[in-house]
Amino acid sequence: MSTMPRVLLVDDEPGVLHALTRLFTRTGAEVRSAPSAEAALAILDEFTPDVVVTDHRMAGMTGVELLQVIGARFPAARRVLLSGYVDIDVGEDIVFVSKPYVGAELLALCK
């Protein structure tokens, strides 16, 4: 990954999405944000992420489903799932982070 990672953030809660965007933008990352899985998929037509951080419970496609699609399309992308639910089977290639998260810890996992 380059020194300026390309990060895609996905969350249907505007406040959380804004906080995540601020957190990653401060690191110098090139950030794109989406309020839904469907919007995230549209962004991927023009943006190749190094890291994808998504909430799990969203209307329509879940975060796990989204990360599976992204993993098939961008296998080198680091995929991180945020959730308050701990009984989720995320698979081997997805990093699980429980809510509430600590910003510094989340950033460290995304390197």
PDB file of N, CA and C in Angstrom:
ATOM      1  N   MET A   1       0.852  -1.176   0.000  1.00  0.00           N
ATOM      2  CA  MET A   1       0.000   0.000   0.000  1.00  0.00           C
ATOM      3  C   MET A   1       0.897   1.238   0.000  1.00  0.00           C
ATOM      4  N   SER A   2       0.524   2.237  -0.743  1.00  0.00           N
ATOM      5  CA  SER A   2       1.295   3.473  -0.803  1.00  0.00           C
ATOM      6  C   SER A   2       1.167   4.227   0.518  1.00  0.00           C
ATOM      7  N   THR A   3       1.934   5.320   0.638  1.00  0.00           N
ATOM      8  CA  THR A   3       1.868   6.109   1.863  1.00  0.00           C
ATOM      9  C   THR A   3       0.537   6.846   1.987  1.00  0.00           C
ATOM     10  N   MET A   4      -0.164   7.025   0.884  1.00  0.00           N
ATOM     11  CA  MET A   4      -1.471   7.685   0.889  1.00  0.00           C
ATOM     12  C   MET A   4      -2.530   6.642   0.526  1.00  0.00           C
ATOM     13  N   PRO A   5      -2.980   5.848   1.490  1.00  0.00           N
ATOM     14  CA  PRO A   5      -3.937   4.798   1.156  1.00  0.00           C
ATOM     15  C   PRO A   5      -5.259   5.362   0.654  1.00  0.00           C
ATOM     16  N   ARG A   6      -5.890   4.591  -0.195  1.00  0.00           N
ATOM     17  CA  ARG A   6      -7.209   4.931  -0.724  1.00  0.00           C
ATOM     18  C   ARG A   6      -8.226   4.141   0.105  1.00  0.00           C
ATOM     19  N   VAL A   7      -9.098   4.855   0.804  1.00  0.00           N
ATOM     20  CA  VAL A   7     -10.002   4.240   1.777  1.00  0.00           C
ATOM     21  C   VAL A   7     -11.450   4.489   1.387  1.00  0.00           C
ATOM     22  N   LEU A   8     -12.244   3.425   1.393  1.00  0.00           N
ATOM     23  CA  LEU A   8     -13.683   3.522   1.179  1.00  0.00           C
ATOM     24  C   LEU A   8     -14.369   3.224   2.503  1.00  0.00           C
ATOM     25  N   LEU A   9     -15.219   4.151   2.949  1.00  0.00           N
ATOM     26  CA  LEU A   9     -15.955   4.025   4.210  1.00  0.00           C
ATOM     27  C   LEU A   9     -17.438   3.901   3.904  1.00  0.00           C
ATOM     28  N   VAL A  10     -18.115   2.953   4.568  1.00  0.00           N
ATOM     29  CA  VAL A  10     -19.527   2.713   4.304  1.00  0.00           C
ATOM     30  C   VAL A  10     -20.279   2.576   5.627  1.00  0.00           C
ATOM     31  N   ASP A  11     -21.272   3.436   5.828  1.00  0.00           N
ATOM     32  CA  ASP A  11     -22.124   3.349   7.020  1.00  0.00           C
ATOM     33  C   ASP A  11     -23.407   4.110   6.744  1.00  0.00           C
ATOM     34  N   ASP A  12     -24.522   3.548   7.148  1.00  0.00           N
ATOM     35  CA  ASP A  12     -25.812   4.202   6.894  1.00  0.00           C
ATOM     36  C   ASP A  12     -26.186   5.219   7.965  1.00  0.00           C
ATOM     37  N   GLU A  13     -25.353   5.354   8.991  1.00  0.00           N
ATOM     38  CA  GLU A  13     -25.583   6.378  10.012  1.00  0.00           C
ATOM     39  C   GLU A  13     -24.701   7.584   9.677  1.00  0.00           C
ATOM     40  N   PRO A  14     -25.306   8.727   9.312  1.00  0.00           N
ATOM     41  CA  PRO A  14     -24.523   9.890   8.881  1.00  0.00           C
ATOM     42  C   PRO A  14     -23.470  10.342   9.893  1.00  0.00           C
ATOM     43  N   GLY A  15     -23.791  10.319  11.175  1.00  0.00           N
ATOM     44  CA  GLY A  15     -22.833  10.747  12.192  1.00  0.00           C
ATOM     45  C   GLY A  15     -21.610   9.849  12.252  1.00  0.00           C
ATOM     46  N   VAL A  16     -21.834   8.556  12.160  1.00  0.00           N
ATOM     47  CA  VAL A  16     -20.723   7.600  12.183  1.00  0.00           C
ATOM     48  C   VAL A  16     -19.877   7.756  10.923  1.00  0.00           C
ATOM     49  N   LEU A  17     -20.534   7.891   9.782  1.00  0.00           N
ATOM     50  CA  LEU A  17     -19.815   8.052   8.519  1.00  0.00           C
ATOM     51  C   LEU A  17     -18.960   9.320   8.542  1.00  0.00           C
ATOM     52  N   HIS A  18     -19.510  10.391   9.085  1.00  0.00           N
ATOM     53  CA  HIS A  18     -18.761  11.648   9.190  1.00  0.00           C
ATOM     54  C   HIS A  18     -17.546  11.482  10.108  1.00  0.00           C
ATOM     55  N   ALA A  19     -17.739  10.817  11.241  1.00  0.00           N
ATOM     56  CA  ALA A  19     -16.632  10.610  12.185  1.00  0.00           C
ATOM     57  C   ALA A  19     -15.533   9.751  11.561  1.00  0.00           C
ATOM     58  N   LEU A  20     -15.918   8.696  10.870  1.00  0.00           N
ATOM     59  CA  LEU A  20     -14.930   7.845  10.201  1.00  0.00           C
ATOM     60  C   LEU A  20     -14.177   8.622   9.125  1.00  0.00           C
ATOM     61  N   THR A  21     -14.913   9.418   8.366  1.00  0.00           N
ATOM     62  CA  THR A  21     -14.294  10.214   7.304  1.00  0.00           C
ATOM     63  C   THR A  21     -13.261  11.174   7.888  1.00  0.00           C
ATOM     64  N   ARG A  22     -13.615  11.847   8.964  1.00  0.00           N
ATOM     65  CA  ARG A  22     -12.668  12.759   9.629  1.00  0.00           C
ATOM     66  C   ARG A  22     -11.438  12.004  10.132  1.00  0.00           C
ATOM     67  N   LEU A  23     -11.664  10.854  10.755  1.00  0.00           N
ATOM     68  CA  LEU A  23     -10.574  10.053  11.308  1.00  0.00           C
ATOM     69  C   LEU A  23      -9.560   9.684  10.224  1.00  0.00           C
ATOM     70  N   PHE A  24     -10.043   9.175   9.104  1.00  0.00           N
ATOM     71  CA  PHE A  24      -9.135   8.725   8.049  1.00  0.00           C
ATOM     72  C   PHE A  24      -8.557   9.875   7.235  1.00  0.00           C
ATOM     73  N   THR A  25      -9.311  10.947   7.053  1.00  0.00           N
ATOM     74  CA  THR A  25      -8.813  12.100   6.304  1.00  0.00           C
ATOM     75  C   THR A  25      -7.625  12.731   7.019  1.00  0.00           C
ATOM     76  N   ARG A  26      -7.659  12.750   8.334  1.00  0.00           N
ATOM     77  CA  ARG A  26      -6.555  13.324   9.127  1.00  0.00           C
ATOM     78  C   ARG A  26      -5.239  12.591   8.915  1.00  0.00           C
ATOM     79  N   THR A  27      -5.305  11.342   8.485  1.00  0.00           N
ATOM     80  CA  THR A  27      -4.081  10.563   8.260  1.00  0.00           C
ATOM     81  C   THR A  27      -3.468  10.850   6.898  1.00  0.00           C
ATOM     82  N   GLY A  28      -4.167  11.619   6.065  1.00  0.00           N
ATOM     83  CA  GLY A  28      -3.692  11.888   4.713  1.00  0.00           C
ATOM     84  C   GLY A  28      -4.228  10.915   3.690  1.00  0.00           C
ATOM     85  N   ALA A  29      -5.092  10.012   4.117  1.00  0.00           N
ATOM     86  CA  ALA A  29      -5.666   9.036   3.191  1.00  0.00           C
ATOM     87  C   ALA A  29      -6.580   9.722   2.185  1.00  0.00           C
ATOM     88  N   GLU A  30      -6.669   9.130   1.011  1.00  0.00           N
ATOM     89  CA  GLU A  30      -7.659   9.560   0.021  1.00  0.00           C
ATOM     90  C   GLU A  30      -8.941   8.809   0.365  1.00  0.00           C
ATOM     91  N   VAL A  31      -9.967   9.524   0.782  1.00  0.00           N
ATOM     92  CA  VAL A  31     -11.169   8.910   1.341  1.00  0.00           C
ATOM     93  C   VAL A  31     -12.381   9.130   0.451  1.00  0.00           C
ATOM     94  N   ARG A  32     -13.153   8.074   0.282  1.00  0.00           N
ATOM     95  CA  ARG A  32     -14.483   8.156  -0.326  1.00  0.00           C
ATOM     96  C   ARG A  32     -15.439   7.555   0.694  1.00  0.00           C
ATOM     97  N   SER A  33     -16.636   8.110   0.785  1.00  0.00           N
ATOM     98  CA  SER A  33     -17.612   7.583   1.737  1.00  0.00           C
ATOM     99  C   SER A  33     -18.932   7.332   1.040  1.00  0.00           C
ATOM    100  N   ALA A  34     -19.665   6.350   1.571  1.00  0.00           N
ATOM    101  CA  ALA A  34     -20.943   5.963   0.989  1.00  0.00           C
ATOM    102  C   ALA A  34     -21.932   5.644   2.101  1.00  0.00           C
ATOM    103  N   PRO A  35     -23.207   6.060   1.942  1.00  0.00           N
ATOM    104  CA  PRO A  35     -24.222   5.808   2.956  1.00  0.00           C
ATOM    105  C   PRO A  35     -24.903   4.440   2.832  1.00  0.00           C
ATOM    106  N   SER A  36     -24.501   3.642   1.842  1.00  0.00           N
ATOM    107  CA  SER A  36     -25.102   2.315   1.652  1.00  0.00           C
ATOM    108  C   SER A  36     -24.147   1.438   0.856  1.00  0.00           C
ATOM    109  N   ALA A  37     -24.403   0.137   0.895  1.00  0.00           N
ATOM    110  CA  ALA A  37     -23.593  -0.794   0.113  1.00  0.00           C
ATOM    111  C   ALA A  37     -23.741  -0.513  -1.375  1.00  0.00           C
ATOM    112  N   GLU A  38     -24.951  -0.208  -1.797  1.00  0.00           N
ATOM    113  CA  GLU A  38     -25.204   0.064  -3.212  1.00  0.00           C
ATOM    114  C   GLU A  38     -24.423   1.291  -3.681  1.00  0.00           C
ATOM    115  N   ALA A  39     -24.398   2.339  -2.863  1.00  0.00           N
ATOM    116  CA  ALA A  39     -23.626   3.539  -3.201  1.00  0.00           C
ATOM    117  C   ALA A  39     -22.132   3.225  -3.233  1.00  0.00           C
ATOM    118  N   ALA A  40     -21.679   2.365  -2.333  1.00  0.00           N
ATOM    119  CA  ALA A  40     -20.267   1.970  -2.311  1.00  0.00           C
ATOM    120  C   ALA A  40     -19.889   1.246  -3.594  1.00  0.00           C
ATOM    121  N   LEU A  41     -20.748   0.357  -4.046  1.00  0.00           N
ATOM    122  CA  LEU A  41     -20.467  -0.377  -5.281  1.00  0.00           C
ATOM    123  C   LEU A  41     -20.380   0.565  -6.472  1.00  0.00           C
ATOM    124  N   ALA A  42     -21.201   1.597  -6.485  1.00  0.00           N
ATOM    125  CA  ALA A  42     -21.145   2.586  -7.568  1.00  0.00           C
ATOM    126  C   ALA A  42     -19.818   3.348  -7.534  1.00  0.00           C
ATOM    127  N   ILE A  43     -19.336   3.677  -6.346  1.00  0.00           N
ATOM    128  CA  ILE A  43     -18.056   4.380  -6.202  1.00  0.00           C
ATOM    129  C   ILE A  43     -16.915   3.528  -6.752  1.00  0.00           C
ATOM    130  N   LEU A  44     -17.024   2.208  -6.584  1.00  0.00           N
ATOM    131  CA  LEU A  44     -15.953   1.310  -7.008  1.00  0.00           C
ATOM    132  C   LEU A  44     -15.771   1.256  -8.518  1.00  0.00           C
ATOM    133  N   ASP A  45     -16.707   1.806  -9.260  1.00  0.00           N
ATOM    134  CA  ASP A  45     -16.534   1.883 -10.712  1.00  0.00           C
ATOM    135  C   ASP A  45     -15.428   2.864 -11.083  1.00  0.00           C
ATOM    136  N   GLU A  46     -15.109   3.798 -10.166  1.00  0.00           N
ATOM    137  CA  GLU A  46     -14.108   4.827 -10.458  1.00  0.00           C
ATOM    138  C   GLU A  46     -13.026   4.940  -9.387  1.00  0.00           C
ATOM    139  N   PHE A  47     -13.055   4.078  -8.381  1.00  0.00           N
ATOM    140  CA  PHE A  47     -12.148   4.202  -7.238  1.00  0.00           C
ATOM    141  C   PHE A  47     -11.698   2.812  -6.818  1.00  0.00           C
ATOM    142  N   THR A  48     -10.390   2.583  -6.790  1.00  0.00           N
ATOM    143  CA  THR A  48      -9.845   1.299  -6.356  1.00  0.00           C
ATOM    144  C   THR A  48      -9.312   1.461  -4.936  1.00  0.00           C
ATOM    145  N   PRO A  49      -9.975   0.845  -3.957  1.00  0.00           N
ATOM    146  CA  PRO A  49      -9.564   1.051  -2.563  1.00  0.00           C
ATOM    147  C   PRO A  49      -8.417   0.140  -2.134  1.00  0.00           C
ATOM    148  N   ASP A  50      -7.607   0.656  -1.225  1.00  0.00           N
ATOM    149  CA  ASP A  50      -6.626  -0.165  -0.520  1.00  0.00           C
ATOM    150  C   ASP A  50      -7.267  -0.756   0.728  1.00  0.00           C
ATOM    151  N   VAL A  51      -8.222  -0.002   1.294  1.00  0.00           N
ATOM    152  CA  VAL A  51      -8.907  -0.385   2.531  1.00  0.00           C
ATOM    153  C   VAL A  51     -10.391  -0.076   2.388  1.00  0.00           C
ATOM    154  N   VAL A  52     -11.234  -0.999   2.869  1.00  0.00           N
ATOM    155  CA  VAL A  52     -12.677  -0.765   2.926  1.00  0.00           C
ATOM    156  C   VAL A  52     -13.123  -1.016   4.358  1.00  0.00           C
ATOM    157  N   VAL A  53     -13.786  -0.029   4.947  1.00  0.00           N
ATOM    158  CA  VAL A  53     -14.325  -0.152   6.302  1.00  0.00           C
ATOM    159  C   VAL A  53     -15.826   0.033   6.190  1.00  0.00           C
ATOM    160  N   THR A  54     -16.587  -0.961   6.647  1.00  0.00           N
ATOM    161  CA  THR A  54     -18.040  -0.870   6.531  1.00  0.00           C
ATOM    162  C   THR A  54     -18.741  -1.334   7.799  1.00  0.00           C
ATOM    163  N   ASP A  55     -19.896  -0.746   8.018  1.00  0.00           N
ATOM    164  CA  ASP A  55     -20.803  -1.204   9.063  1.00  0.00           C
ATOM    165  C   ASP A  55     -21.412  -2.520   8.586  1.00  0.00           C
ATOM    166  N   HIS A  56     -21.901  -3.320   9.504  1.00  0.00           N
ATOM    167  CA  HIS A  56     -22.518  -4.584   9.107  1.00  0.00           C
ATOM    168  C   HIS A  56     -24.008  -4.430   8.812  1.00  0.00           C
ATOM    169  N   ARG A  57     -24.744  -3.897   9.762  1.00  0.00           N
ATOM    170  CA  ARG A  57     -26.204  -3.842   9.617  1.00  0.00           C
ATOM    171  C   ARG A  57     -26.620  -2.584   8.876  1.00  0.00           C
ATOM    172  N   MET A  58     -26.996  -2.788   7.614  1.00  0.00           N
ATOM    173  CA  MET A  58     -27.483  -1.697   6.771  1.00  0.00           C
ATOM    174  C   MET A  58     -28.671  -2.227   5.983  1.00  0.00           C
ATOM    175  N   ALA A  59     -29.501  -1.323   5.510  1.00  0.00           N
ATOM    176  CA  ALA A  59     -30.630  -1.730   4.674  1.00  0.00           C
ATOM    177  C   ALA A  59     -30.086  -2.340   3.385  1.00  0.00           C
ATOM    178  N   GLY A  60     -30.769  -3.335   2.880  1.00  0.00           N
ATOM    179  CA  GLY A  60     -30.306  -3.980   1.648  1.00  0.00           C
ATOM    180  C   GLY A  60     -29.187  -4.952   1.948  1.00  0.00           C
ATOM    181  N   MET A  61     -28.070  -4.762   1.315  1.00  0.00           N
ATOM    182  CA  MET A  61     -26.910  -5.631   1.457  1.00  0.00           C
ATOM    183  C   MET A  61     -26.217  -5.391   2.800  1.00  0.00           C
ATOM    184  N   THR A  62     -25.826  -6.471   3.478  1.00  0.00           N
ATOM    185  CA  THR A  62     -25.091  -6.329   4.739  1.00  0.00           C
ATOM    186  C   THR A  62     -23.624  -6.005   4.463  1.00  0.00           C
ATOM    187  N   GLY A  63     -22.937  -5.610   5.514  1.00  0.00           N
ATOM    188  CA  GLY A  63     -21.517  -5.328   5.385  1.00  0.00           C
ATOM    189  C   GLY A  63     -20.710  -6.545   4.973  1.00  0.00           C
ATOM    190  N   VAL A  64     -21.038  -7.720   5.516  1.00  0.00           N
ATOM    191  CA  VAL A  64     -20.330  -8.948   5.135  1.00  0.00           C
ATOM    192  C   VAL A  64     -20.537  -9.228   3.649  1.00  0.00           C
ATOM    193  N   GLU A  65     -21.771  -9.108   3.184  1.00  0.00           N
ATOM    194  CA  GLU A  65     -22.049  -9.334   1.759  1.00  0.00           C
ATOM    195  C   GLU A  65     -21.272  -8.349   0.891  1.00  0.00           C
ATOM    196  N   LEU A  66     -21.256  -7.087   1.293  1.00  0.00           N
ATOM    197  CA  LEU A  66     -20.515  -6.073   0.549  1.00  0.00           C
ATOM    198  C   LEU A  66     -19.027  -6.418   0.499  1.00  0.00           C
ATOM    199  N   LEU A  67     -18.453  -6.783   1.627  1.00  0.00           N
ATOM    200  CA  LEU A  67     -17.026  -7.096   1.668  1.00  0.00           C
ATOM    201  C   LEU A  67     -16.688  -8.338   0.854  1.00  0.00           C
ATOM    202  N   GLN A  68     -17.617  -9.282   0.758  1.00  0.00           N
ATOM    203  CA  GLN A  68     -17.391 -10.455  -0.087  1.00  0.00           C
ATOM    204  C   GLN A  68     -17.335 -10.054  -1.559  1.00  0.00           C
ATOM    205  N   VAL A  69     -18.244  -9.172  -1.975  1.00  0.00           N
ATOM    206  CA  VAL A  69     -18.242  -8.680  -3.358  1.00  0.00           C
ATOM    207  C   VAL A  69     -16.951  -7.912  -3.636  1.00  0.00           C
ATOM    208  N   ILE A  70     -16.575  -7.045  -2.710  1.00  0.00           N
ATOM    209  CA  ILE A  70     -15.359  -6.246  -2.887  1.00  0.00           C
ATOM    210  C   ILE A  70     -14.124  -7.143  -2.901  1.00  0.00           C
ATOM    211  N   GLY A  71     -14.097  -8.155  -2.051  1.00  0.00           N
ATOM    212  CA  GLY A  71     -12.961  -9.077  -2.022  1.00  0.00           C
ATOM    213  C   GLY A  71     -12.783  -9.826  -3.328  1.00  0.00           C
ATOM    214  N   ALA A  72     -13.886 -10.179  -3.969  1.00  0.00           N
ATOM    215  CA  ALA A  72     -13.803 -10.863  -5.259  1.00  0.00           C
ATOM    216  C   ALA A  72     -13.279  -9.922  -6.343  1.00  0.00           C
ATOM    217  N   ARG A  73     -13.641  -8.671  -6.236  1.00  0.00           N
ATOM    218  CA  ARG A  73     -13.265  -7.679  -7.252  1.00  0.00           C
ATOM    219  C   ARG A  73     -11.894  -7.057  -6.994  1.00  0.00           C
ATOM    220  N   PHE A  74     -11.572  -6.859  -5.721  1.00  0.00           N
ATOM    221  CA  PHE A  74     -10.305  -6.235  -5.319  1.00  0.00           C
ATOM    222  C   PHE A  74      -9.660  -7.094  -4.226  1.00  0.00           C
ATOM    223  N   PRO A  75      -9.076  -8.231  -4.585  1.00  0.00           N
ATOM    224  CA  PRO A  75      -8.566  -9.157  -3.562  1.00  0.00           C
ATOM    225  C   PRO A  75      -7.458  -8.586  -2.681  1.00  0.00           C
ATOM    226  N   ALA A  76      -6.756  -7.574  -3.144  1.00  0.00           N
ATOM    227  CA  ALA A  76      -5.678  -6.993  -2.336  1.00  0.00           C
ATOM    228  C   ALA A  76      -6.187  -5.985  -1.307  1.00  0.00           C
ATOM    229  N   ALA A  77      -7.441  -5.585  -1.415  1.00  0.00           N
ATOM    230  CA  ALA A  77      -7.986  -4.581  -0.491  1.00  0.00           C
ATOM    231  C   ALA A  77      -8.140  -5.168   0.913  1.00  0.00           C
ATOM    232  N   ARG A  78      -7.716  -4.419   1.902  1.00  0.00           N
ATOM    233  CA  ARG A  78      -7.924  -4.798   3.308  1.00  0.00           C
ATOM    234  C   ARG A  78      -9.384  -4.515   3.625  1.00  0.00           C
ATOM    235  N   ARG A  79     -10.094  -5.485   4.187  1.00  0.00           N
ATOM    236  CA  ARG A  79     -11.526  -5.335   4.441  1.00  0.00           C
ATOM    237  C   ARG A  79     -11.799  -5.425   5.935  1.00  0.00           C
ATOM    238  N   VAL A  80     -12.502  -4.398   6.438  1.00  0.00           N
ATOM    239  CA  VAL A  80     -12.766  -4.278   7.875  1.00  0.00           C
ATOM    240  C   VAL A  80     -14.264  -4.117   8.090  1.00  0.00           C
ATOM    241  N   LEU A  81     -14.819  -4.926   8.985  1.00  0.00           N
ATOM    242  CA  LEU A  81     -16.240  -4.884   9.313  1.00  0.00           C
ATOM    243  C   LEU A  81     -16.422  -4.331  10.718  1.00  0.00           C
ATOM    244  N   LEU A  82     -17.256  -3.298  10.850  1.00  0.00           N
ATOM    245  CA  LEU A  82     -17.605  -2.720  12.150  1.00  0.00           C
ATOM    246  C   LEU A  82     -18.985  -3.216  12.553  1.00  0.00           C
ATOM    247  N   SER A  83     -19.123  -3.676  13.778  1.00  0.00           N
ATOM    248  CA  SER A  83     -20.440  -4.108  14.233  1.00  0.00           C
ATOM    249  C   SER A  83     -20.500  -4.175  15.748  1.00  0.00           C
ATOM    250  N   GLY A  84     -21.687  -3.936  16.265  1.00  0.00           N
ATOM    251  CA  GLY A  84     -21.936  -4.111  17.682  1.00  0.00           C
ATOM    252  C   GLY A  84     -22.339  -5.539  18.002  1.00  0.00           C
ATOM    253  N   TYR A  85     -22.505  -6.352  16.969  1.00  0.00           N
ATOM    254  CA  TYR A  85     -22.901  -7.752  17.131  1.00  0.00           C
ATOM    255  C   TYR A  85     -21.667  -8.626  17.002  1.00  0.00           C
ATOM    256  N   VAL A  86     -21.420  -9.466  17.992  1.00  0.00           N
ATOM    257  CA  VAL A  86     -20.194 -10.259  17.998  1.00  0.00           C
ATOM    258  C   VAL A  86     -20.375 -11.666  17.449  1.00  0.00           C
ATOM    259  N   ASP A  87     -21.588 -12.053  17.124  1.00  0.00           N
ATOM    260  CA  ASP A  87     -21.822 -13.416  16.647  1.00  0.00           C
ATOM    261  C   ASP A  87     -21.917 -13.481  15.118  1.00  0.00           C
ATOM    262  N   ILE A  88     -21.042 -12.764  14.447  1.00  0.00           N
ATOM    263  CA  ILE A  88     -21.055 -12.704  12.993  1.00  0.00           C
ATOM    264  C   ILE A  88     -19.901 -13.535  12.452  1.00  0.00           C
ATOM    265  N   ASP A  89     -20.191 -14.389  11.478  1.00  0.00           N
ATOM    266  CA  ASP A  89     -19.147 -15.150  10.802  1.00  0.00           C
ATOM    267  C   ASP A  89     -18.642 -14.302   9.645  1.00  0.00           C
ATOM    268  N   VAL A  90     -17.440 -13.760   9.785  1.00  0.00           N
ATOM    269  CA  VAL A  90     -16.930 -12.841   8.771  1.00  0.00           C
ATOM    270  C   VAL A  90     -15.966 -13.496   7.793  1.00  0.00           C
ATOM    271  N   GLY A  91     -15.525 -14.687   8.063  1.00  0.00           N
ATOM    272  CA  GLY A  91     -14.560 -15.331   7.181  1.00  0.00           C
ATOM    273  C   GLY A  91     -13.136 -14.937   7.542  1.00  0.00           C
ATOM    274  N   GLU A  92     -12.196 -15.571   6.870  1.00  0.00           N
ATOM    275  CA  GLU A  92     -10.781 -15.398   7.200  1.00  0.00           C
ATOM    276  C   GLU A  92     -10.196 -14.076   6.732  1.00  0.00           C
ATOM    277  N   ASP A  93     -10.682 -13.551   5.619  1.00  0.00           N
ATOM    278  CA  ASP A  93     -10.052 -12.388   4.999  1.00  0.00           C
ATOM    279  C   ASP A  93     -10.615 -11.050   5.461  1.00  0.00           C
ATOM    280  N   ILE A  94     -11.559 -11.077   6.379  1.00  0.00           N
ATOM    281  CA  ILE A  94     -12.198  -9.850   6.852  1.00  0.00           C
ATOM    282  C   ILE A  94     -11.815  -9.623   8.311  1.00  0.00           C
ATOM    283  N   VAL A  95     -11.390  -8.416   8.616  1.00  0.00           N
ATOM    284  CA  VAL A  95     -11.040  -8.049   9.995  1.00  0.00           C
ATOM    285  C   VAL A  95     -12.308  -7.544  10.678  1.00  0.00           C
ATOM    286  N   PHE A  96     -12.620  -8.087  11.846  1.00  0.00           N
ATOM    287  CA  PHE A  96     -13.804  -7.680  12.599  1.00  0.00           C
ATOM    288  C   PHE A  96     -13.397  -6.711  13.701  1.00  0.00           C
ATOM    289  N   VAL A  97     -14.116  -5.597  13.794  1.00  0.00           N
ATOM    290  CA  VAL A  97     -13.893  -4.612  14.859  1.00  0.00           C
ATOM    291  C   VAL A  97     -15.231  -4.358  15.537  1.00  0.00           C
ATOM    292  N   SER A  98     -15.284  -4.572  16.844  1.00  0.00           N
ATOM    293  CA  SER A  98     -16.548  -4.364  17.549  1.00  0.00           C
ATOM    294  C   SER A  98     -16.747  -2.889  17.877  1.00  0.00           C
ATOM    295  N   LYS A  99     -18.015  -2.494  17.858  1.00  0.00           N
ATOM    296  CA  LYS A  99     -18.392  -1.135  18.253  1.00  0.00           C
ATOM    297  C   LYS A  99     -18.651  -1.140  19.744  1.00  0.00           C
ATOM    298  N   PRO A 100     -18.354  -0.083  20.440  1.00  0.00           N
ATOM    299  CA  PRO A 100     -17.689   1.118  19.927  1.00  0.00           C
ATOM    300  C   PRO A 100     -16.215   0.830  19.688  1.00  0.00           C
ATOM    301  N   TYR A 101     -15.666   1.444  18.666  1.00  0.00           N
ATOM    302  CA  TYR A 101     -14.268   1.235  18.313  1.00  0.00           C
ATOM    303  C   TYR A 101     -13.420   2.392  18.845  1.00  0.00           C
ATOM    304  N   VAL A 102     -12.133   2.138  18.972  1.00  0.00           N
ATOM    305  CA  VAL A 102     -11.173   3.176  19.344  1.00  0.00           C
ATOM    306  C   VAL A 102     -10.472   3.591  18.058  1.00  0.00           C
ATOM    307  N   GLY A 103     -10.491   4.890  17.760  1.00  0.00           N
ATOM    308  CA  GLY A 103      -9.958   5.387  16.501  1.00  0.00           C
ATOM    309  C   GLY A 103      -8.546   4.923  16.194  1.00  0.00           C
ATOM    310  N   ALA A 104      -7.648   5.029  17.161  1.00  0.00           N
ATOM    311  CA  ALA A 104      -6.247   4.644  16.934  1.00  0.00           C
ATOM    312  C   ALA A 104      -6.130   3.157  16.622  1.00  0.00           C
ATOM    313  N   GLU A 105      -6.920   2.339  17.299  1.00  0.00           N
ATOM    314  CA  GLU A 105      -6.886   0.898  17.047  1.00  0.00           C
ATOM    315  C   GLU A 105      -7.428   0.581  15.658  1.00  0.00           C
ATOM    316  N   LEU A 106      -8.486   1.263  15.259  1.00  0.00           N
ATOM    317  CA  LEU A 106      -9.056   1.053  13.931  1.00  0.00           C
ATOM    318  C   LEU A 106      -8.045   1.445  12.855  1.00  0.00           C
ATOM    319  N   LEU A 107      -7.399   2.577  13.022  1.00  0.00           N
ATOM    320  CA  LEU A 107      -6.382   3.011  12.058  1.00  0.00           C
ATOM    321  C   LEU A 107      -5.239   2.003  11.971  1.00  0.00           C
ATOM    322  N   ALA A 108      -4.809   1.468  13.108  1.00  0.00           N
ATOM    323  CA  ALA A 108      -3.714   0.494  13.116  1.00  0.00           C
ATOM    324  C   ALA A 108      -4.091  -0.774  12.356  1.00  0.00           C
ATOM    325  N   LEU A 109      -5.329  -1.203  12.465  1.00  0.00           N
ATOM    326  CA  LEU A 109      -5.786  -2.398  11.759  1.00  0.00           C
ATOM    327  C   LEU A 109      -5.877  -2.188  10.260  1.00  0.00           C
ATOM    328  N   CYS A 110      -5.979  -0.955   9.845  1.00  0.00           N
ATOM    329  CA  CYS A 110      -6.167  -0.646   8.427  1.00  0.00           C
ATOM    330  C   CYS A 110      -4.860  -0.391   7.697  1.00  0.00           C
ATOM    331  N   LYS A 111      -3.744  -0.537   8.370  1.00  0.00           N
ATOM    332  CA  LYS A 111      -2.441  -0.304   7.719  1.00  0.00           C
ATOM    333  C   LYS A 111      -2.025  -1.512   6.937  1.00  0.00           C
TER     334      LYS A 111
END
